[in-house]
Amino acid sequence: MRTREFGKSGLKTSVIGFGGWPMGRGQYGAFDDDQAITAARAAHDGGVTLFDTAAVYGWGYGEELLGKAIKPFRKKIVLVTKGGRKWLKDNPDRTRATVSDSSPEYLNEGIDESLQRLGTDYIDLYLVHWPDLTRSYEVPMRALEGAKKAGKIRYYGVSNFHPDMLAECVKNGVPVCDQVGYHIFDRRPEAGIFPFVQKNGMGVMAYGSMAHGLLTGAWKPGQPFGDDDWRRNGKNFGLATWSPENLPKNLAVVERLKEVASGYKKTVAQLAVAWTLGNPAVTVALCGAKTPAELKEDLGGDWDMPKALRDKINDLVLSEGAGVGKAGDPGP
C-alpha cells in the first residue's frame, strides 16, 4: 500500500487507515468483538499502518478493543486516539452528545486513561476531538506540547477544527493534522480547511470515506438502524444526506455510482475511497470495518482515479444528490 506524509511533519503512514469508531459499542450498532479484532488485524496484514480511535467511542470500549487487536504489532503502527470530550458515564442514553473540555487537567487525565485502555506506554498521534469554544486554542496546544515532552505522545493535532481555529493552533504549537469528515457527499472542507492545511505543512485525516455506510452500496430504502446506532437520527454532521426525504435520491445516485465503478472493475466502496484519496490535501482516508470481509473490500480503494472519472462523479453527485455538503458550506 502507498504511504503519504502528514504535511512536512516527518510522520508517514499508509494512505488507508483503520477507523475504530464502529468498534465503539453502543454507537454503531451490534457487532461481534472477535470479528472486529480480526478485521483490525487483517488491516495490518493488508498494509495498513494507521489505526484510529477515540476515548468516546463506546465510552472507552473502542479503545480497549482496539488495544487488544493491535497488541501483536503495536510497535509497527501509528496509533491515533482523540480526547478532550467529556461524557456522562452513568447516562443510559449512550448516543447523547458530549461536551468539549480542552483544559490541561482534562487533557492530561484523558491521555493517561487512553494509555491504560489501549495497553500502551505512548500514543503516536493524539488529537483534540472537537473544538472547545470556552477557551483559547493556545491552551490545548501547550498541554499537548507538555505531553509530547513527557514522552506520552509523539505528535499531536486536532479534529473538526475550522481555519480560524487552526490559525491560533499553529501560532502556539505544531499540530500535524486536522481530522475532518470528507467524502463524495461532503466536500465542505475543500474551500477553507484544505488550503490552510496545505499552506501550513499539515495533513488531513479524512473520516467517513464511505459516507458512514451510504457508499458501501448495501443500504436500501427505509434503511433500518438500531437504537444504539447514531445514524438513526438521519443527520450526518450537520447534513441531511440520509433523511427520509433525501435518502431515496442518494440511493439512486449510489446505484449510478455502482455502474460507474463496475466499469473500472471496482466496487462503489473502492470508488469512494479512491475519490477521497484523490484530493492532494488528504494524507489518510479512514475506513471503519466490523468484519474482515468489509475490511478486505476497503483495501481495494488504494488506486489512482483518473481526473475524468472524478469529474464525472462530481457532476453526478452535485446535480442529482440531495443534502450534499458543498465546498465552502459551514461545517459541523
Protein backbone atom coordinates (compact mmCIF):
# COMPACT_ATOMS: atom_id res chain seq x y z
CA MET A 1 0.00 0.00 0.00
CA ARG A 2 1.15 3.54 -0.73
CA THR A 3 2.23 5.89 2.02
CA ARG A 4 1.95 9.64 2.50
CA GLU A 5 3.39 12.16 4.92
CA PHE A 6 1.34 14.39 7.21
CA GLY A 7 2.38 17.65 5.61
CA LYS A 8 6.00 18.34 6.48
CA SER A 9 5.90 16.61 9.86
CA GLY A 10 8.02 13.58 9.03
CA LEU A 11 5.15 11.30 10.10
CA LYS A 12 4.35 8.86 7.28
CA THR A 13 1.60 6.25 7.22
CA SER A 14 -0.43 4.12 4.82
CA VAL A 15 -2.92 6.10 2.75
CA ILE A 16 -5.77 3.99 4.12
CA GLY A 17 -6.27 4.00 7.87
CA PHE A 18 -8.34 1.71 10.07
CA GLY A 19 -11.21 3.69 11.58
CA GLY A 20 -12.12 2.46 15.05
CA TRP A 21 -15.45 4.20 15.62
CA PRO A 22 -17.53 1.12 14.64
CA MET A 23 -15.66 -0.78 17.40
CA GLY A 24 -17.21 1.56 19.97
CA ARG A 25 -20.06 -0.49 21.35
CA GLY A 26 -23.30 1.42 21.78
CA GLN A 27 -22.83 3.84 18.88
CA TYR A 28 -22.60 1.94 15.57
CA GLY A 29 -24.96 -0.97 16.02
CA ALA A 30 -24.31 -4.58 17.01
CA PHE A 31 -21.11 -6.42 16.16
CA ASP A 32 -19.00 -9.36 17.27
CA ASP A 33 -15.83 -8.48 19.19
CA ASP A 34 -13.79 -11.31 17.72
CA GLN A 35 -14.79 -10.36 14.18
CA ALA A 36 -13.86 -6.73 14.80
CA ILE A 37 -10.46 -7.74 16.19
CA THR A 38 -9.90 -10.00 13.19
CA ALA A 39 -10.79 -7.11 10.87
CA ALA A 40 -8.23 -4.83 12.53
CA ARG A 41 -5.54 -7.49 12.25
CA ALA A 42 -6.45 -8.12 8.62
CA ALA A 43 -5.94 -4.40 8.02
CA HIS A 44 -2.40 -4.68 9.32
CA ASP A 45 -1.78 -7.75 7.17
CA GLY A 46 -3.03 -5.73 4.19
CA GLY A 47 -0.51 -2.94 4.71
CA VAL A 48 -2.46 -0.52 6.92
CA THR A 49 -0.15 1.25 9.37
CA LEU A 50 -2.51 3.85 10.90
CA PHE A 51 -5.19 2.84 13.43
CA ASP A 52 -7.58 5.49 14.72
CA THR A 53 -9.89 5.51 17.73
CA ALA A 54 -11.13 7.92 20.44
CA ALA A 55 -11.95 7.92 24.11
CA VAL A 56 -15.66 8.49 23.46
CA TYR A 57 -16.03 5.60 21.01
CA GLY A 58 -18.18 3.32 23.11
CA TRP A 59 -17.21 5.35 26.18
CA GLY A 60 -13.78 3.74 26.33
CA TYR A 61 -14.80 0.36 24.95
CA GLY A 62 -13.46 1.15 21.47
CA GLU A 63 -10.00 1.93 22.81
CA GLU A 64 -9.92 -1.23 24.89
CA LEU A 65 -10.95 -3.43 21.97
CA LEU A 66 -8.54 -1.82 19.53
CA GLY A 67 -5.78 -2.16 22.12
CA LYS A 68 -6.36 -5.91 22.17
CA ALA A 69 -6.41 -6.07 18.38
CA ILE A 70 -3.11 -4.26 17.80
CA LYS A 71 -1.16 -5.82 20.66
CA PRO A 72 0.80 -8.24 18.39
CA PHE A 73 2.09 -5.40 16.19
CA ARG A 74 1.80 -2.29 18.37
CA LYS A 75 5.35 -1.03 17.71
CA LYS A 76 4.92 -1.27 13.94
CA ILE A 77 1.96 1.09 13.56
CA VAL A 78 0.86 4.67 14.09
CA LEU A 79 -1.74 4.61 16.84
CA VAL A 80 -4.13 7.58 16.90
CA THR A 81 -6.63 8.47 19.57
CA LYS A 82 -8.61 11.56 20.47
CA GLY A 83 -9.65 13.24 23.70
CA GLY A 84 -10.94 16.44 25.26
CA ARG A 85 -14.59 15.30 25.17
CA LYS A 86 -16.48 14.71 28.41
CA TRP A 87 -19.38 12.32 28.67
CA LEU A 88 -21.85 11.35 31.37
CA LYS A 89 -20.53 7.91 32.22
CA ASP A 90 -23.74 6.87 34.01
CA ASN A 91 -26.05 8.24 31.34
CA PRO A 92 -28.23 5.43 29.90
CA ASP A 93 -28.53 7.30 26.58
CA ARG A 94 -25.23 6.24 25.01
CA THR A 95 -25.80 8.43 21.94
CA ARG A 96 -26.09 11.69 23.87
CA ALA A 97 -23.78 14.46 22.74
CA THR A 98 -20.65 15.05 24.76
CA VAL A 99 -19.11 18.33 25.90
CA SER A 100 -15.70 19.62 24.86
CA ASP A 101 -13.13 20.31 27.58
CA SER A 102 -9.61 21.23 26.48
CA SER A 103 -8.33 22.22 29.90
CA PRO A 104 -4.81 20.95 30.64
CA GLU A 105 -6.15 18.95 33.55
CA TYR A 106 -8.76 17.12 31.50
CA LEU A 107 -6.47 16.54 28.51
CA ASN A 108 -3.68 15.12 30.67
CA GLU A 109 -6.11 12.94 32.57
CA GLY A 110 -7.58 11.73 29.27
CA ILE A 111 -4.18 10.86 27.84
CA ASP A 112 -3.35 8.76 30.89
CA GLU A 113 -6.69 6.95 30.71
CA SER A 114 -6.29 6.30 26.97
CA LEU A 115 -2.82 4.88 27.52
CA GLN A 116 -4.24 2.48 30.06
CA ARG A 117 -7.20 1.39 27.93
CA LEU A 118 -5.04 0.94 24.83
CA GLY A 119 -2.44 -1.04 26.75
CA THR A 120 0.47 1.07 25.54
CA ASP A 121 3.02 3.43 27.04
CA TYR A 122 2.83 6.04 24.26
CA ILE A 123 0.41 7.35 21.64
CA ASP A 124 1.81 8.16 18.21
CA LEU A 125 -0.73 10.87 17.33
CA TYR A 126 -3.12 12.45 19.82
CA LEU A 127 -5.93 14.73 18.62
CA VAL A 128 -8.22 17.23 20.30
CA HIS A 129 -11.51 15.63 19.24
CA TRP A 130 -13.66 18.77 18.93
CA PRO A 131 -13.03 22.48 19.47
CA ASP A 132 -13.58 23.78 22.98
CA LEU A 133 -15.22 27.16 22.44
CA THR A 134 -14.80 28.21 26.08
CA ARG A 135 -11.05 28.83 26.00
CA SER A 136 -8.17 29.91 23.78
CA TYR A 137 -6.77 27.22 21.47
CA GLU A 138 -3.37 28.11 22.86
CA VAL A 139 -4.36 26.14 25.98
CA PRO A 140 -4.62 22.65 24.43
CA MET A 141 -1.56 23.27 22.25
CA ARG A 142 0.57 23.98 25.31
CA ALA A 143 -0.88 20.99 27.14
CA LEU A 144 -0.08 18.68 24.24
CA GLU A 145 3.42 20.10 23.92
CA GLY A 146 3.88 19.14 27.56
CA ALA A 147 2.59 15.62 26.95
CA LYS A 148 4.97 15.32 24.00
CA LYS A 149 7.95 16.38 26.08
CA ALA A 150 6.89 13.87 28.73
CA GLY A 151 7.04 11.08 26.13
CA LYS A 152 3.35 10.21 26.36
CA ILE A 153 2.63 11.26 22.76
CA ARG A 154 4.86 11.58 19.68
CA TYR A 155 2.77 14.01 17.62
CA TYR A 156 -0.45 15.89 18.12
CA GLY A 157 -3.18 17.51 16.08
CA VAL A 158 -6.85 18.43 16.06
CA SER A 159 -10.15 17.17 14.71
CA ASN A 160 -13.09 19.13 13.29
CA PHE A 161 -11.28 22.49 13.54
CA HIS A 162 -12.02 25.33 11.12
CA PRO A 163 -9.34 27.62 9.60
CA ASP A 164 -9.65 30.41 12.19
CA MET A 165 -9.20 27.84 14.96
CA LEU A 166 -6.28 26.23 13.15
CA ALA A 167 -4.61 29.61 12.77
CA GLU A 168 -4.49 30.04 16.55
CA CYS A 169 -3.24 26.49 16.99
CA VAL A 170 -0.28 26.87 14.64
CA LYS A 171 0.76 30.08 16.40
CA ASN A 172 1.06 28.19 19.68
CA GLY A 173 2.16 24.69 18.74
CA VAL A 174 2.98 22.25 15.96
CA PRO A 175 -0.20 20.35 15.10
CA VAL A 176 0.46 17.92 12.26
CA CYS A 177 -3.09 17.25 11.08
CA ASP A 178 -6.76 18.13 11.12
CA GLN A 179 -9.12 15.16 11.06
CA VAL A 180 -12.32 16.11 9.23
CA GLY A 181 -15.27 14.47 7.52
CA TYR A 182 -14.72 14.24 3.77
CA HIS A 183 -16.39 12.02 1.18
CA ILE A 184 -18.27 12.08 -2.10
CA PHE A 185 -21.38 13.52 -0.42
CA ASP A 186 -19.50 16.01 1.77
CA ARG A 187 -16.96 18.41 0.21
CA ARG A 188 -17.26 21.18 2.81
CA PRO A 189 -13.55 21.20 3.84
CA GLU A 190 -12.28 21.83 0.30
CA ALA A 191 -12.66 25.62 0.29
CA GLY A 192 -11.21 26.61 3.67
CA ILE A 193 -9.67 23.81 5.68
CA PHE A 194 -7.72 22.07 2.91
CA PRO A 195 -5.93 25.20 1.63
CA PHE A 196 -4.98 26.19 5.18
CA VAL A 197 -3.64 22.75 6.00
CA GLN A 198 -1.56 22.59 2.83
CA LYS A 199 -0.18 26.11 3.30
CA ASN A 200 0.88 25.34 6.87
CA GLY A 201 2.57 21.99 6.30
CA MET A 202 -0.15 19.86 7.92
CA GLY A 203 -2.03 16.79 6.72
CA VAL A 204 -5.67 15.74 6.62
CA MET A 205 -7.09 12.55 8.05
CA ALA A 206 -10.45 12.11 6.34
CA TYR A 207 -13.17 10.26 8.22
CA GLY A 208 -16.43 8.93 6.79
CA SER A 209 -14.85 7.96 3.45
CA MET A 210 -17.91 5.86 2.62
CA ALA A 211 -20.39 8.44 3.91
CA HIS A 212 -20.70 6.43 7.13
CA GLY A 213 -22.18 3.47 5.25
CA LEU A 214 -24.17 5.08 2.43
CA LEU A 215 -21.36 4.43 -0.07
CA THR A 216 -20.95 0.77 0.82
CA GLY A 217 -23.74 0.04 -1.64
CA ALA A 218 -25.57 -2.10 0.91
CA TRP A 219 -28.22 0.37 2.08
CA LYS A 220 -31.83 0.05 0.96
CA PRO A 221 -34.88 2.36 1.07
CA GLY A 222 -36.05 2.63 4.67
CA GLN A 223 -32.59 1.59 5.87
CA PRO A 224 -33.05 0.28 9.44
CA PHE A 225 -30.80 1.38 12.30
CA GLY A 226 -30.75 0.01 15.81
CA ASP A 227 -31.45 2.12 18.87
CA ASP A 228 -27.70 2.11 19.58
CA ASP A 229 -26.74 3.47 16.13
CA TRP A 230 -26.04 7.22 15.89
CA ARG A 231 -27.13 7.23 12.22
CA ARG A 232 -30.78 6.59 13.08
CA ASN A 233 -31.48 10.33 13.56
CA GLY A 234 -30.93 10.98 9.83
CA LYS A 235 -28.24 13.59 10.42
CA ASN A 236 -24.66 13.39 9.18
CA PHE A 237 -22.55 16.01 10.99
CA GLY A 238 -24.90 18.83 10.07
CA LEU A 239 -26.04 17.33 6.76
CA ALA A 240 -29.32 15.57 5.99
CA THR A 241 -27.83 13.16 3.46
CA TRP A 242 -29.95 10.23 4.60
CA SER A 243 -33.02 12.00 5.94
CA PRO A 244 -36.33 10.42 4.82
CA GLU A 245 -36.73 12.95 2.01
CA ASN A 246 -33.13 12.75 0.77
CA LEU A 247 -32.16 9.10 1.18
CA PRO A 248 -34.13 7.77 -1.83
CA LYS A 249 -32.42 10.29 -4.13
CA ASN A 250 -28.99 9.46 -2.78
CA LEU A 251 -29.57 5.72 -3.01
CA ALA A 252 -30.34 6.27 -6.68
CA VAL A 253 -27.05 8.15 -7.00
CA VAL A 254 -25.23 5.26 -5.33
CA GLU A 255 -26.77 2.84 -7.84
CA ARG A 256 -25.41 5.03 -10.65
CA LEU A 257 -22.01 5.08 -8.93
CA LYS A 258 -22.05 1.27 -8.78
CA GLU A 259 -22.36 1.19 -12.56
CA VAL A 260 -19.50 3.66 -12.92
CA ALA A 261 -17.32 1.63 -10.54
CA SER A 262 -18.01 -1.63 -12.35
CA GLY A 263 -16.55 -0.10 -15.50
CA TYR A 264 -13.23 0.06 -13.65
CA LYS A 265 -13.71 -3.38 -12.05
CA LYS A 266 -14.17 -1.73 -8.64
CA THR A 267 -16.94 -1.68 -6.06
CA VAL A 268 -18.65 1.57 -5.10
CA ALA A 269 -16.82 1.48 -1.75
CA GLN A 270 -13.48 1.27 -3.56
CA LEU A 271 -14.58 4.13 -5.78
CA ALA A 272 -15.42 6.17 -2.67
CA VAL A 273 -12.04 5.60 -1.01
CA ALA A 274 -10.11 6.44 -4.18
CA TRP A 275 -12.16 9.62 -4.62
CA THR A 276 -11.26 10.74 -1.10
CA LEU A 277 -7.57 9.98 -1.64
CA GLY A 278 -7.68 11.85 -4.94
CA ASN A 279 -7.57 15.20 -3.17
CA PRO A 280 -3.90 16.13 -2.65
CA ALA A 281 -4.62 17.61 0.78
CA VAL A 282 -5.65 14.21 2.12
CA THR A 283 -2.97 12.11 3.79
CA VAL A 284 -5.16 9.27 5.05
CA ALA A 285 -8.67 8.03 4.27
CA LEU A 286 -10.15 6.25 7.28
CA CYS A 287 -12.20 3.12 6.67
CA GLY A 288 -14.17 1.58 9.50
CA ALA A 289 -14.92 -2.13 9.43
CA LYS A 290 -16.51 -4.60 11.80
CA THR A 291 -15.77 -7.72 9.76
CA PRO A 292 -12.77 -8.99 7.74
CA ALA A 293 -14.87 -9.05 4.57
CA GLU A 294 -15.67 -5.33 4.88
CA LEU A 295 -12.02 -4.58 5.50
CA LYS A 296 -10.81 -6.56 2.50
CA GLU A 297 -13.07 -4.56 0.21
CA ASP A 298 -11.91 -1.26 1.72
CA LEU A 299 -8.25 -2.02 0.99
CA GLY A 300 -9.09 -2.15 -2.70
CA GLY A 301 -9.63 1.60 -2.57
CA ASP A 302 -5.91 2.34 -2.92
CA TRP A 303 -5.77 3.20 -6.61
CA ASP A 304 -5.29 6.31 -8.75
CA MET A 305 -8.56 7.73 -10.03
CA PRO A 306 -8.39 9.44 -13.43
CA LYS A 307 -9.40 13.11 -13.42
CA ALA A 308 -12.12 12.46 -15.98
CA LEU A 309 -13.70 9.89 -13.67
CA ARG A 310 -13.51 12.24 -10.69
CA ASP A 311 -15.19 14.96 -12.74
CA LYS A 312 -17.92 12.53 -13.78
CA ILE A 313 -18.58 11.55 -10.17
CA ASN A 314 -18.70 15.19 -9.09
CA ASP A 315 -21.15 16.12 -11.82
CA LEU A 316 -23.43 13.22 -10.91
CA VAL A 317 -23.47 13.77 -7.16
CA LEU A 318 -23.76 17.55 -7.25
CA SER A 319 -26.56 17.51 -9.84
CA GLU A 320 -28.62 14.58 -8.57
CA GLY A 321 -27.67 14.18 -4.90
CA ALA A 322 -29.63 15.68 -2.01
CA GLY A 323 -28.33 17.13 1.24
CA VAL A 324 -24.81 17.21 -0.18
CA GLY A 325 -22.17 19.30 1.61
CA LYS A 326 -20.62 21.63 -0.95
CA ALA A 327 -17.20 23.25 -0.81
CA GLY A 328 -17.34 26.28 1.44
CA ASP A 329 -20.59 25.35 3.20
CA PRO A 330 -20.44 25.72 7.01
CA GLY A 331 -19.02 22.61 8.65
CA PRO A 332 -20.27 20.81 11.76
